[in-house]
Amino acid sequence: MLTRAKRKTFTTDEYHQMIEAGILREGDRLELIQGEIIQMAAIGSNHASCVGRLTHLFSANFAESAIVWVQNPVCLGKHSEPEPDISLLKPQPDFYASRHPRPEDVLLVVEVADTSLEDDREIKLPLYAKAGIREVWIVNLKASCVEVSTSPSGHKYRNVRVFHRDSVLSPGIFPDAEILVDDIIGQSYPLEV
């Protein structure tokens, strides 16, 4: 009689122990999502330049009032530790050296999506909502827009707005800041072969 194999899920503590033991390497581009160790997609040129633009824009606008956290872990409980492309965090004197940021530390999460759009919408967005992250931007490079999700409720966000080129948006926590969608999206270039 065959029995169905059970998946082994990992806690964030076990995940960190595997990194410390050298089983997983810090440069492996992995995330812990709902207990599963997930290989992140490769970063293409358009994705990388968008993250660079966001880092520049956010550093210029929010450096005095938030920590700009670039492709670093955020602990969302016992079984998830994603690495959003950009997060704005509450200031901490030690810049989170003593622990990874938790949901209550996060002011905004931004995911840049080209090949990862489906995963960002269907896996990460519900994960962020469940953790109570109050605002998430998905920069949709294929459609040249920014999808802004606010007001988490369960596994969903109650409010979703889409901002296209020529639009201006502001993080909810910094309503006076004006960021042009064009400055986030930039110019898309075809990949060189």
N, C-alpha and C. Protein backbone atom coordinates (compact mmCIF):
# COMPACT_ATOMS: atom_id res chain seq x y z
N MET A 1 0.84 -1.18 0.00
CA MET A 1 0.00 0.00 0.00
C MET A 1 0.89 1.24 0.00
N LEU A 2 0.67 2.11 -0.96
CA LEU A 2 1.42 3.36 -1.03
C LEU A 2 0.74 4.43 -0.21
N THR A 3 1.54 5.19 0.47
CA THR A 3 0.98 6.34 1.18
C THR A 3 1.46 7.60 0.49
N ARG A 4 0.65 8.58 0.55
CA ARG A 4 0.99 9.85 -0.09
C ARG A 4 2.11 10.53 0.69
N ALA A 5 3.11 10.97 -0.03
CA ALA A 5 4.24 11.67 0.60
C ALA A 5 3.77 13.01 1.14
N LYS A 6 4.31 13.36 2.30
CA LYS A 6 3.97 14.64 2.90
C LYS A 6 5.11 15.61 2.66
N ARG A 7 4.74 16.84 2.39
CA ARG A 7 5.75 17.88 2.23
C ARG A 7 6.26 18.30 3.59
N LYS A 8 7.53 18.58 3.63
CA LYS A 8 8.14 19.11 4.84
C LYS A 8 8.15 20.63 4.71
N THR A 9 7.51 21.29 5.62
CA THR A 9 7.58 22.75 5.63
C THR A 9 8.57 23.18 6.69
N PHE A 10 9.16 24.33 6.46
CA PHE A 10 10.20 24.84 7.35
C PHE A 10 9.74 26.10 8.06
N THR A 11 10.27 26.29 9.25
CA THR A 11 10.05 27.54 9.97
C THR A 11 11.16 28.51 9.60
N THR A 12 10.96 29.76 9.95
CA THR A 12 12.02 30.74 9.68
C THR A 12 13.28 30.39 10.47
N ASP A 13 13.12 29.86 11.68
CA ASP A 13 14.30 29.45 12.47
C ASP A 13 15.07 28.34 11.76
N GLU A 14 14.36 27.33 11.24
CA GLU A 14 15.03 26.24 10.51
C GLU A 14 15.70 26.76 9.24
N TYR A 15 15.04 27.67 8.57
CA TYR A 15 15.57 28.28 7.35
C TYR A 15 16.89 29.00 7.67
N HIS A 16 16.91 29.77 8.75
CA HIS A 16 18.13 30.47 9.15
C HIS A 16 19.23 29.50 9.56
N GLN A 17 18.85 28.41 10.22
CA GLN A 17 19.85 27.40 10.60
C GLN A 17 20.48 26.76 9.36
N MET A 18 19.69 26.54 8.31
CA MET A 18 20.24 25.97 7.08
C MET A 18 21.22 26.95 6.42
N ILE A 19 20.93 28.24 6.51
CA ILE A 19 21.85 29.25 5.97
C ILE A 19 23.14 29.27 6.79
N GLU A 20 22.99 29.29 8.12
CA GLU A 20 24.16 29.32 9.01
C GLU A 20 25.03 28.08 8.85
N ALA A 21 24.40 26.93 8.58
CA ALA A 21 25.15 25.67 8.43
C ALA A 21 25.77 25.53 7.03
N GLY A 22 25.45 26.45 6.13
CA GLY A 22 26.00 26.39 4.78
C GLY A 22 25.22 25.50 3.83
N ILE A 23 24.09 24.96 4.30
CA ILE A 23 23.24 24.14 3.42
C ILE A 23 22.65 25.03 2.33
N LEU A 24 22.22 26.20 2.73
CA LEU A 24 21.76 27.22 1.78
C LEU A 24 22.74 28.38 1.88
N ARG A 25 23.02 29.00 0.75
CA ARG A 25 23.93 30.14 0.76
C ARG A 25 23.13 31.43 0.63
N GLU A 26 23.63 32.49 1.24
CA GLU A 26 22.92 33.77 1.21
C GLU A 26 22.74 34.29 -0.21
N GLY A 27 23.62 33.99 -1.12
CA GLY A 27 23.52 34.48 -2.49
C GLY A 27 22.68 33.60 -3.40
N ASP A 28 21.99 32.60 -2.87
CA ASP A 28 21.23 31.65 -3.69
C ASP A 28 19.91 32.20 -4.23
N ARG A 29 19.50 33.40 -3.84
CA ARG A 29 18.24 34.01 -4.26
C ARG A 29 17.04 33.10 -3.92
N LEU A 30 16.91 32.85 -2.63
CA LEU A 30 15.82 32.02 -2.12
C LEU A 30 14.92 32.84 -1.22
N GLU A 31 13.67 32.41 -1.10
CA GLU A 31 12.72 32.98 -0.16
C GLU A 31 12.01 31.84 0.54
N LEU A 32 11.61 32.08 1.77
CA LEU A 32 10.76 31.13 2.48
C LEU A 32 9.33 31.65 2.38
N ILE A 33 8.48 30.91 1.68
CA ILE A 33 7.09 31.31 1.46
C ILE A 33 6.19 30.19 1.95
N GLN A 34 5.43 30.46 3.01
CA GLN A 34 4.51 29.50 3.60
C GLN A 34 5.20 28.17 3.88
N GLY A 35 6.41 28.25 4.41
CA GLY A 35 7.15 27.06 4.80
C GLY A 35 7.94 26.39 3.70
N GLU A 36 7.78 26.83 2.46
CA GLU A 36 8.51 26.24 1.33
C GLU A 36 9.65 27.15 0.90
N ILE A 37 10.78 26.55 0.60
CA ILE A 37 11.93 27.30 0.11
C ILE A 37 11.77 27.44 -1.40
N ILE A 38 11.65 28.68 -1.84
CA ILE A 38 11.35 28.98 -3.24
C ILE A 38 12.54 29.67 -3.89
N GLN A 39 12.92 29.19 -5.07
CA GLN A 39 13.96 29.84 -5.87
C GLN A 39 13.33 31.05 -6.56
N MET A 40 13.90 32.22 -6.35
CA MET A 40 13.38 33.42 -6.99
C MET A 40 13.77 33.46 -8.46
N ALA A 41 12.95 34.12 -9.24
CA ALA A 41 13.22 34.26 -10.68
C ALA A 41 14.48 35.10 -10.89
N ALA A 42 15.14 34.85 -11.99
CA ALA A 42 16.30 35.66 -12.35
C ALA A 42 15.85 37.10 -12.60
N ILE A 43 16.74 38.03 -12.34
CA ILE A 43 16.41 39.45 -12.52
C ILE A 43 16.92 39.91 -13.87
N GLY A 44 15.99 40.37 -14.71
CA GLY A 44 16.36 40.90 -16.02
C GLY A 44 16.74 42.37 -15.94
N SER A 45 17.19 42.91 -17.05
CA SER A 45 17.66 44.31 -17.10
C SER A 45 16.57 45.31 -16.75
N ASN A 46 15.36 45.14 -17.32
CA ASN A 46 14.27 46.08 -17.03
C ASN A 46 13.89 46.04 -15.55
N HIS A 47 13.83 44.84 -14.99
CA HIS A 47 13.52 44.67 -13.57
C HIS A 47 14.59 45.35 -12.72
N ALA A 48 15.84 45.08 -13.00
CA ALA A 48 16.94 45.64 -12.22
C ALA A 48 16.96 47.16 -12.29
N SER A 49 16.73 47.71 -13.48
CA SER A 49 16.77 49.17 -13.60
C SER A 49 15.58 49.81 -12.88
N CYS A 50 14.43 49.14 -12.87
CA CYS A 50 13.27 49.65 -12.14
C CYS A 50 13.55 49.67 -10.64
N VAL A 51 14.15 48.59 -10.12
CA VAL A 51 14.52 48.56 -8.70
C VAL A 51 15.52 49.68 -8.41
N GLY A 52 16.45 49.90 -9.32
CA GLY A 52 17.41 50.99 -9.15
C GLY A 52 16.73 52.35 -9.12
N ARG A 53 15.77 52.57 -10.03
CA ARG A 53 15.04 53.84 -10.04
C ARG A 53 14.25 54.03 -8.76
N LEU A 54 13.56 52.98 -8.31
CA LEU A 54 12.79 53.07 -7.06
C LEU A 54 13.70 53.36 -5.88
N THR A 55 14.85 52.70 -5.84
CA THR A 55 15.80 52.94 -4.75
C THR A 55 16.23 54.41 -4.75
N HIS A 56 16.53 54.93 -5.92
CA HIS A 56 16.93 56.33 -6.03
C HIS A 56 15.79 57.27 -5.61
N LEU A 57 14.58 57.04 -6.15
CA LEU A 57 13.43 57.89 -5.83
C LEU A 57 13.10 57.85 -4.34
N PHE A 58 13.05 56.65 -3.78
CA PHE A 58 12.69 56.52 -2.37
C PHE A 58 13.77 57.09 -1.46
N SER A 59 15.03 56.89 -1.81
CA SER A 59 16.12 57.45 -1.00
C SER A 59 16.07 58.97 -1.04
N ALA A 60 15.80 59.55 -2.21
CA ALA A 60 15.72 61.00 -2.34
C ALA A 60 14.53 61.58 -1.58
N ASN A 61 13.42 60.85 -1.55
CA ASN A 61 12.19 61.37 -0.94
C ASN A 61 11.98 61.00 0.52
N PHE A 62 12.50 59.84 0.94
CA PHE A 62 12.12 59.33 2.26
C PHE A 62 13.29 59.00 3.19
N ALA A 63 14.51 59.34 2.80
CA ALA A 63 15.69 58.94 3.59
C ALA A 63 15.65 59.46 5.02
N GLU A 64 15.02 60.59 5.25
CA GLU A 64 14.96 61.16 6.60
C GLU A 64 13.87 60.53 7.47
N SER A 65 12.90 59.86 6.84
CA SER A 65 11.77 59.36 7.61
C SER A 65 11.51 57.86 7.49
N ALA A 66 12.31 57.16 6.69
CA ALA A 66 12.14 55.71 6.54
C ALA A 66 13.46 55.09 6.10
N ILE A 67 13.57 53.81 6.34
CA ILE A 67 14.71 53.04 5.83
C ILE A 67 14.27 52.42 4.51
N VAL A 68 15.07 52.63 3.47
CA VAL A 68 14.80 52.02 2.17
C VAL A 68 15.50 50.67 2.16
N TRP A 69 14.72 49.60 2.13
CA TRP A 69 15.19 48.22 2.30
C TRP A 69 15.10 47.53 0.94
N VAL A 70 16.22 47.22 0.34
CA VAL A 70 16.25 46.75 -1.05
C VAL A 70 16.57 45.26 -1.12
N GLN A 71 15.61 44.48 -1.61
CA GLN A 71 15.76 43.04 -1.82
C GLN A 71 16.36 42.34 -0.59
N ASN A 72 15.80 42.70 0.56
CA ASN A 72 16.21 42.12 1.84
C ASN A 72 15.00 41.48 2.51
N PRO A 73 15.24 40.54 3.43
CA PRO A 73 14.13 39.79 4.04
C PRO A 73 13.24 40.63 4.95
N VAL A 74 11.97 40.24 4.95
CA VAL A 74 10.98 40.74 5.89
C VAL A 74 10.31 39.49 6.48
N CYS A 75 10.34 39.36 7.79
CA CYS A 75 9.77 38.18 8.45
C CYS A 75 8.26 38.37 8.64
N LEU A 76 7.48 37.50 8.03
CA LEU A 76 6.02 37.59 8.10
C LEU A 76 5.44 36.49 8.98
N GLY A 77 6.13 36.12 10.01
CA GLY A 77 5.63 35.09 10.90
C GLY A 77 6.54 33.88 10.90
N LYS A 78 6.00 32.78 11.39
CA LYS A 78 6.80 31.58 11.62
C LYS A 78 7.23 30.86 10.35
N HIS A 79 6.49 31.04 9.23
CA HIS A 79 6.76 30.24 8.04
C HIS A 79 7.04 31.03 6.76
N SER A 80 7.15 32.34 6.85
CA SER A 80 7.38 33.12 5.63
C SER A 80 8.39 34.24 5.85
N GLU A 81 9.32 34.33 4.92
CA GLU A 81 10.31 35.39 4.94
C GLU A 81 10.64 35.79 3.49
N PRO A 82 9.72 36.52 2.86
CA PRO A 82 9.98 36.97 1.49
C PRO A 82 11.04 38.06 1.47
N GLU A 83 11.53 38.34 0.27
CA GLU A 83 12.49 39.42 0.05
C GLU A 83 11.91 40.35 -1.01
N PRO A 84 11.04 41.28 -0.58
CA PRO A 84 10.45 42.20 -1.54
C PRO A 84 11.53 43.00 -2.27
N ASP A 85 11.20 43.47 -3.46
CA ASP A 85 12.18 44.27 -4.20
C ASP A 85 12.54 45.53 -3.42
N ILE A 86 11.55 46.21 -2.88
CA ILE A 86 11.79 47.41 -2.07
C ILE A 86 10.79 47.39 -0.92
N SER A 87 11.24 47.79 0.25
CA SER A 87 10.34 48.05 1.37
C SER A 87 10.74 49.39 1.98
N LEU A 88 9.75 50.12 2.44
CA LEU A 88 10.01 51.28 3.28
C LEU A 88 9.70 50.84 4.70
N LEU A 89 10.67 51.04 5.58
CA LEU A 89 10.55 50.57 6.96
C LEU A 89 10.58 51.73 7.94
N LYS A 90 9.97 51.50 9.11
CA LYS A 90 10.11 52.46 10.20
C LYS A 90 11.59 52.55 10.57
N PRO A 91 12.07 53.75 10.86
CA PRO A 91 13.48 53.88 11.24
C PRO A 91 13.80 53.08 12.50
N GLN A 92 14.96 52.46 12.50
CA GLN A 92 15.52 51.75 13.66
C GLN A 92 16.97 52.19 13.76
N PRO A 93 17.44 52.51 14.96
CA PRO A 93 18.83 52.96 15.10
C PRO A 93 19.86 51.96 14.57
N ASP A 94 19.57 50.66 14.71
CA ASP A 94 20.54 49.64 14.27
C ASP A 94 20.28 49.15 12.84
N PHE A 95 19.33 49.80 12.13
CA PHE A 95 18.98 49.40 10.76
C PHE A 95 18.64 47.91 10.68
N TYR A 96 17.98 47.40 11.70
CA TYR A 96 17.51 46.02 11.74
C TYR A 96 18.65 45.00 11.75
N ALA A 97 19.76 45.36 12.38
CA ALA A 97 20.88 44.42 12.52
C ALA A 97 20.54 43.32 13.53
N SER A 98 19.71 43.63 14.52
CA SER A 98 19.40 42.67 15.58
C SER A 98 18.31 41.67 15.19
N ARG A 99 17.53 42.00 14.18
CA ARG A 99 16.45 41.12 13.72
C ARG A 99 15.95 41.62 12.38
N HIS A 100 15.30 40.73 11.63
CA HIS A 100 14.68 41.16 10.38
C HIS A 100 13.42 41.96 10.70
N PRO A 101 13.06 42.88 9.83
CA PRO A 101 11.81 43.62 10.04
C PRO A 101 10.61 42.68 10.05
N ARG A 102 9.61 43.08 10.83
CA ARG A 102 8.35 42.33 10.92
C ARG A 102 7.22 43.20 10.34
N PRO A 103 6.04 42.66 10.17
CA PRO A 103 4.96 43.44 9.54
C PRO A 103 4.73 44.82 10.17
N GLU A 104 4.82 44.91 11.47
CA GLU A 104 4.58 46.20 12.12
C GLU A 104 5.66 47.24 11.82
N ASP A 105 6.78 46.80 11.28
CA ASP A 105 7.87 47.71 10.90
C ASP A 105 7.73 48.23 9.47
N VAL A 106 6.87 47.60 8.68
CA VAL A 106 6.79 47.86 7.24
C VAL A 106 5.77 48.96 6.95
N LEU A 107 6.23 49.99 6.25
CA LEU A 107 5.35 51.08 5.82
C LEU A 107 4.81 50.85 4.42
N LEU A 108 5.60 50.21 3.57
CA LEU A 108 5.23 49.96 2.18
C LEU A 108 6.09 48.83 1.64
N VAL A 109 5.49 47.96 0.85
CA VAL A 109 6.23 46.92 0.11
C VAL A 109 6.01 47.18 -1.37
N VAL A 110 7.09 47.04 -2.15
CA VAL A 110 7.00 47.17 -3.60
C VAL A 110 7.59 45.92 -4.24
N GLU A 111 6.82 45.29 -5.10
CA GLU A 111 7.30 44.18 -5.91
C GLU A 111 7.33 44.63 -7.36
N VAL A 112 8.46 44.45 -8.01
CA VAL A 112 8.60 44.77 -9.43
C VAL A 112 8.35 43.48 -10.19
N ALA A 113 7.41 43.52 -11.13
CA ALA A 113 6.99 42.29 -11.79
C ALA A 113 7.07 42.40 -13.31
N ASP A 114 7.77 41.46 -13.88
CA ASP A 114 7.68 41.24 -15.32
C ASP A 114 7.33 39.77 -15.49
N THR A 115 8.27 38.87 -15.31
CA THR A 115 7.97 37.44 -15.40
C THR A 115 7.30 36.92 -14.12
N SER A 116 7.39 37.66 -13.01
CA SER A 116 6.86 37.19 -11.73
C SER A 116 5.47 37.73 -11.40
N LEU A 117 4.80 38.38 -12.35
CA LEU A 117 3.53 39.05 -12.07
C LEU A 117 2.49 38.12 -11.44
N GLU A 118 2.30 36.96 -12.02
CA GLU A 118 1.29 36.02 -11.50
C GLU A 118 1.61 35.62 -10.06
N ASP A 119 2.86 35.28 -9.77
CA ASP A 119 3.25 34.91 -8.41
C ASP A 119 3.10 36.08 -7.44
N ASP A 120 3.45 37.28 -7.89
CA ASP A 120 3.32 38.44 -7.01
C ASP A 120 1.85 38.70 -6.66
N ARG A 121 0.96 38.54 -7.63
CA ARG A 121 -0.47 38.77 -7.38
C ARG A 121 -1.11 37.63 -6.59
N GLU A 122 -0.79 36.39 -6.95
CA GLU A 122 -1.53 35.25 -6.40
C GLU A 122 -0.90 34.63 -5.16
N ILE A 123 0.39 34.83 -4.95
CA ILE A 123 1.06 34.24 -3.78
C ILE A 123 1.49 35.31 -2.79
N LYS A 124 2.26 36.28 -3.27
CA LYS A 124 2.81 37.26 -2.35
C LYS A 124 1.78 38.26 -1.83
N LEU A 125 0.91 38.77 -2.70
CA LEU A 125 -0.07 39.76 -2.26
C LEU A 125 -0.96 39.21 -1.14
N PRO A 126 -1.53 38.00 -1.26
CA PRO A 126 -2.30 37.45 -0.14
C PRO A 126 -1.46 37.25 1.12
N LEU A 127 -0.20 36.90 0.95
CA LEU A 127 0.70 36.73 2.09
C LEU A 127 0.90 38.05 2.82
N TYR A 128 1.11 39.12 2.06
CA TYR A 128 1.27 40.45 2.66
C TYR A 128 -0.02 40.91 3.34
N ALA A 129 -1.16 40.64 2.70
CA ALA A 129 -2.45 41.02 3.29
C ALA A 129 -2.68 40.30 4.61
N LYS A 130 -2.44 39.00 4.61
CA LYS A 130 -2.63 38.21 5.83
C LYS A 130 -1.73 38.71 6.96
N ALA A 131 -0.52 39.17 6.62
CA ALA A 131 0.41 39.67 7.63
C ALA A 131 0.05 41.09 8.09
N GLY A 132 -0.88 41.73 7.39
CA GLY A 132 -1.31 43.07 7.78
C GLY A 132 -0.45 44.20 7.21
N ILE A 133 0.32 43.90 6.16
CA ILE A 133 1.09 44.96 5.50
C ILE A 133 0.09 45.93 4.90
N ARG A 134 0.13 47.18 5.30
CA ARG A 134 -0.94 48.11 4.96
C ARG A 134 -0.97 48.58 3.51
N GLU A 135 0.18 48.55 2.83
CA GLU A 135 0.19 49.01 1.44
C GLU A 135 1.24 48.24 0.64
N VAL A 136 0.82 47.77 -0.54
CA VAL A 136 1.72 47.05 -1.45
C VAL A 136 1.55 47.63 -2.85
N TRP A 137 2.69 47.91 -3.47
CA TRP A 137 2.69 48.32 -4.88
C TRP A 137 3.26 47.18 -5.70
N ILE A 138 2.57 46.83 -6.77
CA ILE A 138 3.14 45.91 -7.76
C ILE A 138 3.40 46.74 -9.02
N VAL A 139 4.66 46.87 -9.35
CA VAL A 139 5.04 47.59 -10.56
C VAL A 139 4.97 46.58 -11.71
N ASN A 140 3.94 46.72 -12.52
CA ASN A 140 3.69 45.81 -13.63
C ASN A 140 4.42 46.36 -14.86
N LEU A 141 5.61 45.84 -15.12
CA LEU A 141 6.43 46.35 -16.22
C LEU A 141 5.82 46.06 -17.59
N LYS A 142 5.12 44.94 -17.71
CA LYS A 142 4.53 44.60 -19.01
C LYS A 142 3.40 45.56 -19.40
N ALA A 143 2.59 45.97 -18.43
CA ALA A 143 1.47 46.88 -18.70
C ALA A 143 1.84 48.34 -18.42
N SER A 144 3.06 48.60 -17.98
CA SER A 144 3.53 49.96 -17.67
C SER A 144 2.59 50.67 -16.69
N CYS A 145 2.32 50.00 -15.58
CA CYS A 145 1.46 50.61 -14.56
C CYS A 145 1.92 50.15 -13.17
N VAL A 146 1.35 50.81 -12.16
CA VAL A 146 1.60 50.43 -10.77
C VAL A 146 0.25 50.10 -10.14
N GLU A 147 0.13 48.88 -9.60
CA GLU A 147 -1.08 48.43 -8.94
C GLU A 147 -0.89 48.65 -7.44
N VAL A 148 -1.71 49.51 -6.85
CA VAL A 148 -1.58 49.88 -5.45
C VAL A 148 -2.69 49.21 -4.65
N SER A 149 -2.30 48.35 -3.70
CA SER A 149 -3.25 47.63 -2.85
C SER A 149 -3.15 48.16 -1.43
N THR A 150 -4.31 48.53 -0.86
CA THR A 150 -4.36 49.05 0.51
C THR A 150 -5.52 48.40 1.27
N SER A 151 -5.55 48.61 2.57
CA SER A 151 -6.60 48.11 3.45
C SER A 151 -6.68 46.59 3.46
N PRO A 152 -5.67 45.93 4.05
CA PRO A 152 -5.70 44.47 4.10
C PRO A 152 -6.86 43.94 4.93
N SER A 153 -7.44 42.84 4.47
CA SER A 153 -8.53 42.18 5.18
C SER A 153 -8.44 40.69 4.87
N GLY A 154 -8.00 39.91 5.85
CA GLY A 154 -7.79 38.49 5.60
C GLY A 154 -6.66 38.28 4.63
N HIS A 155 -6.93 37.54 3.54
CA HIS A 155 -5.92 37.27 2.52
C HIS A 155 -6.02 38.22 1.32
N LYS A 156 -6.79 39.29 1.47
CA LYS A 156 -7.01 40.20 0.34
C LYS A 156 -6.83 41.65 0.78
N TYR A 157 -6.78 42.51 -0.21
CA TYR A 157 -6.80 43.95 0.02
C TYR A 157 -8.14 44.47 -0.46
N ARG A 158 -8.77 45.32 0.35
CA ARG A 158 -10.09 45.85 0.00
C ARG A 158 -10.01 46.89 -1.12
N ASN A 159 -8.91 47.62 -1.17
CA ASN A 159 -8.78 48.68 -2.18
C ASN A 159 -7.60 48.39 -3.10
N VAL A 160 -7.88 48.37 -4.40
CA VAL A 160 -6.83 48.21 -5.40
C VAL A 160 -7.06 49.28 -6.46
N ARG A 161 -6.02 50.09 -6.67
CA ARG A 161 -6.07 51.13 -7.70
C ARG A 161 -4.91 50.92 -8.65
N VAL A 162 -5.13 51.24 -9.91
CA VAL A 162 -4.09 51.10 -10.93
C VAL A 162 -3.72 52.49 -11.44
N PHE A 163 -2.42 52.77 -11.40
CA PHE A 163 -1.89 54.05 -11.87
C PHE A 163 -1.06 53.80 -13.13
N HIS A 164 -1.43 54.50 -14.20
CA HIS A 164 -0.74 54.34 -15.48
C HIS A 164 0.25 55.47 -15.69
N ARG A 165 0.99 55.38 -16.78
CA ARG A 165 1.93 56.45 -17.13
C ARG A 165 1.20 57.80 -17.08
N ASP A 166 1.93 58.84 -16.80
CA ASP A 166 1.41 60.21 -16.65
C ASP A 166 0.62 60.40 -15.36
N SER A 167 0.52 59.37 -14.53
CA SER A 167 -0.16 59.49 -13.23
C SER A 167 0.87 59.81 -12.15
N VAL A 168 0.34 60.33 -11.05
CA VAL A 168 1.16 60.61 -9.87
C VAL A 168 0.60 59.78 -8.73
N LEU A 169 1.48 59.18 -7.94
CA LEU A 169 1.00 58.45 -6.76
C LEU A 169 1.85 58.80 -5.55
N SER A 170 1.30 58.49 -4.39
CA SER A 170 1.96 58.78 -3.12
C SER A 170 1.76 57.59 -2.20
N PRO A 171 2.80 57.21 -1.46
CA PRO A 171 2.58 56.19 -0.44
C PRO A 171 1.59 56.71 0.60
N GLY A 172 0.70 55.86 1.08
CA GLY A 172 -0.29 56.28 2.06
C GLY A 172 0.33 56.91 3.30
N ILE A 173 1.48 56.42 3.70
CA ILE A 173 2.14 56.92 4.91
C ILE A 173 2.79 58.29 4.67
N PHE A 174 3.04 58.63 3.40
CA PHE A 174 3.64 59.92 3.02
C PHE A 174 2.77 60.58 1.95
N PRO A 175 1.57 61.04 2.32
CA PRO A 175 0.62 61.52 1.31
C PRO A 175 1.07 62.78 0.56
N ASP A 176 2.01 63.53 1.11
CA ASP A 176 2.47 64.74 0.43
C ASP A 176 3.54 64.46 -0.62
N ALA A 177 4.09 63.28 -0.61
CA ALA A 177 5.12 62.93 -1.60
C ALA A 177 4.42 62.61 -2.92
N GLU A 178 4.96 63.13 -3.99
CA GLU A 178 4.39 62.86 -5.31
C GLU A 178 5.43 62.16 -6.16
N ILE A 179 5.09 60.96 -6.63
CA ILE A 179 6.00 60.17 -7.45
C ILE A 179 5.31 59.89 -8.78
N LEU A 180 5.99 60.23 -9.85
CA LEU A 180 5.44 60.00 -11.18
C LEU A 180 5.61 58.54 -11.57
N VAL A 181 4.55 57.95 -12.08
CA VAL A 181 4.63 56.57 -12.55
C VAL A 181 5.70 56.45 -13.63
N ASP A 182 5.82 57.45 -14.49
CA ASP A 182 6.86 57.42 -15.53
C ASP A 182 8.25 57.31 -14.93
N ASP A 183 8.47 57.94 -13.77
CA ASP A 183 9.78 57.86 -13.13
C ASP A 183 10.05 56.48 -12.55
N ILE A 184 8.98 55.76 -12.20
CA ILE A 184 9.13 54.39 -11.69
C ILE A 184 9.35 53.41 -12.85
N ILE A 185 8.49 53.50 -13.85
CA ILE A 185 8.52 52.56 -14.98
C ILE A 185 9.74 52.80 -15.85
N GLY A 186 10.06 54.07 -16.10
CA GLY A 186 11.18 54.38 -16.98
C GLY A 186 10.89 53.95 -18.40
N GLN A 187 11.92 53.85 -19.18
CA GLN A 187 11.82 53.41 -20.57
C GLN A 187 12.15 51.92 -20.62
N SER A 188 11.29 51.11 -21.18
CA SER A 188 11.57 49.68 -21.33
C SER A 188 12.38 49.44 -22.59
N TYR A 189 13.35 48.58 -22.47
CA TYR A 189 14.20 48.26 -23.61
C TYR A 189 14.11 46.77 -23.90
N PRO A 190 14.11 46.39 -25.18
CA PRO A 190 14.13 44.96 -25.50
C PRO A 190 15.45 44.35 -25.03
N LEU A 191 15.39 43.11 -24.62
CA LEU A 191 16.61 42.43 -24.16
C LEU A 191 17.53 42.16 -25.33
N GLU A 192 18.82 42.38 -25.09
CA GLU A 192 19.81 42.06 -26.12
C GLU A 192 20.12 40.58 -26.06
N VAL A 193 20.34 40.00 -27.23
CA VAL A 193 20.66 38.58 -27.27
C VAL A 193 22.11 38.35 -27.60
